[in-house]
Amino acid sequence: MKAPQKTKLLISISDGQPKAMPYYTGETAITDMKGVIQEYNRKGILFLAAAIGQDKETICNIYGQERFLDITDLRHLPTRLVQVIAKYLYQ
């Protein structure tokens, strides 16, 4: 938060739904993650999720289409990241 940069970007690369502990899954974890995203937005931090696993639909639902990158094919990761970062830098 103390960084002087105008644009702050956090990228989460995940292979699945939130599951920090065996009993912490499903709607509870999803609701918590959505709350974290809202908090980051209020603080001016852009939060992106890059999905490399089978739960892409759930991850897209959690983070929202505008914050979601499907990078199942990792060869596309560098290009997609540059595209997304450029989008936010030139707003």
C-alpha atoms as a PDB file:
ATOM      1  CA  MET A   1       0.000   0.000   0.000  1.00  0.00           C
ATOM      2  CA  LYS A   2       2.905   2.336   0.646  1.00  0.00           C
ATOM      3  CA  ALA A   3       4.395   1.904  -2.816  1.00  0.00           C
ATOM      4  CA  PRO A   4       4.345   5.205  -4.692  1.00  0.00           C
ATOM      5  CA  GLN A   5       3.218   3.697  -7.999  1.00  0.00           C
ATOM      6  CA  LYS A   6      -0.175   4.840  -9.208  1.00  0.00           C
ATOM      7  CA  THR A   7      -1.133   1.400 -10.517  1.00  0.00           C
ATOM      8  CA  LYS A   8      -0.756  -1.592  -8.217  1.00  0.00           C
ATOM      9  CA  LEU A   9      -1.380  -5.036  -9.640  1.00  0.00           C
ATOM     10  CA  LEU A  10      -1.613  -8.391  -7.863  1.00  0.00           C
ATOM     11  CA  ILE A  11      -1.748 -11.534  -9.998  1.00  0.00           C
ATOM     12  CA  SER A  12      -2.808 -14.844  -8.491  1.00  0.00           C
ATOM     13  CA  ILE A  13      -1.956 -17.962 -10.493  1.00  0.00           C
ATOM     14  CA  SER A  14      -4.113 -20.857  -9.378  1.00  0.00           C
ATOM     15  CA  ASP A  15      -4.826 -24.425 -10.355  1.00  0.00           C
ATOM     16  CA  GLY A  16      -8.153 -24.595  -8.595  1.00  0.00           C
ATOM     17  CA  GLN A  17     -10.773 -23.211  -6.235  1.00  0.00           C
ATOM     18  CA  PRO A  18      -9.817 -21.741  -2.870  1.00  0.00           C
ATOM     19  CA  LYS A  19      -9.096 -24.547  -0.435  1.00  0.00           C
ATOM     20  CA  ALA A  20      -6.744 -23.513   2.328  1.00  0.00           C
ATOM     21  CA  MET A  21      -7.804 -26.367   4.610  1.00  0.00           C
ATOM     22  CA  PRO A  22      -9.886 -29.524   4.124  1.00  0.00           C
ATOM     23  CA  TYR A  23     -12.973 -27.973   5.754  1.00  0.00           C
ATOM     24  CA  TYR A  24     -12.521 -24.503   4.231  1.00  0.00           C
ATOM     25  CA  THR A  25     -13.956 -24.922   0.739  1.00  0.00           C
ATOM     26  CA  GLY A  26     -17.012 -24.186  -1.364  1.00  0.00           C
ATOM     27  CA  GLU A  27     -19.206 -21.156  -0.804  1.00  0.00           C
ATOM     28  CA  THR A  28     -17.455 -20.108   2.422  1.00  0.00           C
ATOM     29  CA  ALA A  29     -14.068 -19.865   0.731  1.00  0.00           C
ATOM     30  CA  ILE A  30     -15.559 -18.278  -2.398  1.00  0.00           C
ATOM     31  CA  THR A  31     -17.407 -15.624  -0.375  1.00  0.00           C
ATOM     32  CA  ASP A  32     -14.237 -14.830   1.579  1.00  0.00           C
ATOM     33  CA  MET A  33     -12.200 -14.507  -1.616  1.00  0.00           C
ATOM     34  CA  LYS A  34     -14.759 -12.175  -3.163  1.00  0.00           C
ATOM     35  CA  GLY A  35     -14.529 -10.036  -0.010  1.00  0.00           C
ATOM     36  CA  VAL A  36     -10.745  -9.899  -0.319  1.00  0.00           C
ATOM     37  CA  ILE A  37     -11.056  -8.766  -3.936  1.00  0.00           C
ATOM     38  CA  GLN A  38     -13.481  -5.984  -2.946  1.00  0.00           C
ATOM     39  CA  GLU A  39     -11.110  -4.858  -0.181  1.00  0.00           C
ATOM     40  CA  TYR A  40      -8.181  -4.733  -2.598  1.00  0.00           C
ATOM     41  CA  ASN A  41     -10.289  -2.718  -5.045  1.00  0.00           C
ATOM     42  CA  ARG A  42     -11.131  -0.202  -2.315  1.00  0.00           C
ATOM     43  CA  LYS A  43      -7.406   0.157  -1.638  1.00  0.00           C
ATOM     44  CA  GLY A  44      -6.677   0.736  -5.320  1.00  0.00           C
ATOM     45  CA  ILE A  45      -5.045  -2.633  -6.000  1.00  0.00           C
ATOM     46  CA  LEU A  46      -5.966  -4.430  -9.223  1.00  0.00           C
ATOM     47  CA  PHE A  47      -6.395  -8.152  -8.596  1.00  0.00           C
ATOM     48  CA  LEU A  48      -6.112 -10.608 -11.487  1.00  0.00           C
ATOM     49  CA  ALA A  49      -6.496 -14.376 -11.416  1.00  0.00           C
ATOM     50  CA  ALA A  50      -4.720 -16.598 -13.903  1.00  0.00           C
ATOM     51  CA  ALA A  51      -6.197 -20.098 -14.056  1.00  0.00           C
ATOM     52  CA  ILE A  52      -4.116 -23.073 -15.115  1.00  0.00           C
ATOM     53  CA  GLY A  53      -6.316 -25.889 -13.843  1.00  0.00           C
ATOM     54  CA  GLN A  54      -9.649 -27.559 -14.309  1.00  0.00           C
ATOM     55  CA  ASP A  55     -11.699 -25.142 -12.175  1.00  0.00           C
ATOM     56  CA  LYS A  56     -11.534 -22.255 -14.643  1.00  0.00           C
ATOM     57  CA  GLU A  57     -15.289 -21.582 -14.557  1.00  0.00           C
ATOM     58  CA  THR A  58     -15.333 -21.333 -10.766  1.00  0.00           C
ATOM     59  CA  ILE A  59     -12.234 -19.139 -10.722  1.00  0.00           C
ATOM     60  CA  CYS A  60     -13.793 -16.865 -13.361  1.00  0.00           C
ATOM     61  CA  ASN A  61     -16.962 -16.674 -11.260  1.00  0.00           C
ATOM     62  CA  ILE A  62     -14.990 -15.719  -8.146  1.00  0.00           C
ATOM     63  CA  TYR A  63     -12.795 -13.058  -9.727  1.00  0.00           C
ATOM     64  CA  GLY A  64     -15.073 -11.857 -12.521  1.00  0.00           C
ATOM     65  CA  GLN A  65     -14.504 -11.969 -16.266  1.00  0.00           C
ATOM     66  CA  GLU A  66     -12.609  -8.661 -16.258  1.00  0.00           C
ATOM     67  CA  ARG A  67     -10.056 -10.030 -13.760  1.00  0.00           C
ATOM     68  CA  PHE A  68      -9.712 -13.539 -15.189  1.00  0.00           C
ATOM     69  CA  LEU A  69      -7.027 -14.991 -17.459  1.00  0.00           C
ATOM     70  CA  ASP A  70      -7.272 -18.517 -18.838  1.00  0.00           C
ATOM     71  CA  ILE A  71      -3.679 -19.642 -19.220  1.00  0.00           C
ATOM     72  CA  THR A  72      -4.185 -23.379 -19.591  1.00  0.00           C
ATOM     73  CA  ASP A  73      -1.582 -23.184 -22.342  1.00  0.00           C
ATOM     74  CA  LEU A  74       1.357 -21.642 -20.483  1.00  0.00           C
ATOM     75  CA  ARG A  75       2.972 -20.586 -23.752  1.00  0.00           C
ATOM     76  CA  HIS A  76       0.339 -17.814 -23.866  1.00  0.00           C
ATOM     77  CA  LEU A  77       1.098 -16.506 -20.361  1.00  0.00           C
ATOM     78  CA  PRO A  78       3.715 -13.874 -21.307  1.00  0.00           C
ATOM     79  CA  THR A  79       1.577 -12.429 -24.099  1.00  0.00           C
ATOM     80  CA  ARG A  80      -1.616 -12.366 -22.018  1.00  0.00           C
ATOM     81  CA  LEU A  81       0.148 -10.721 -19.065  1.00  0.00           C
ATOM     82  CA  VAL A  82       1.609  -8.000 -21.253  1.00  0.00           C
ATOM     83  CA  GLN A  83      -1.830  -7.358 -22.778  1.00  0.00           C
ATOM     84  CA  VAL A  84      -3.507  -7.093 -19.383  1.00  0.00           C
ATOM     85  CA  ILE A  85      -0.809  -4.961 -17.819  1.00  0.00           C
ATOM     86  CA  ALA A  86      -0.808  -2.601 -20.812  1.00  0.00           C
ATOM     87  CA  LYS A  87      -4.599  -2.271 -20.515  1.00  0.00           C
ATOM     88  CA  TYR A  88      -4.297  -1.002 -16.941  1.00  0.00           C
ATOM     89  CA  LEU A  89      -1.269   1.190 -17.521  1.00  0.00           C
ATOM     90  CA  TYR A  90      -2.946   3.216 -20.245  1.00  0.00           C
ATOM     91  CA  GLN A  91      -6.351   3.816 -18.708  1.00  0.00           C
END
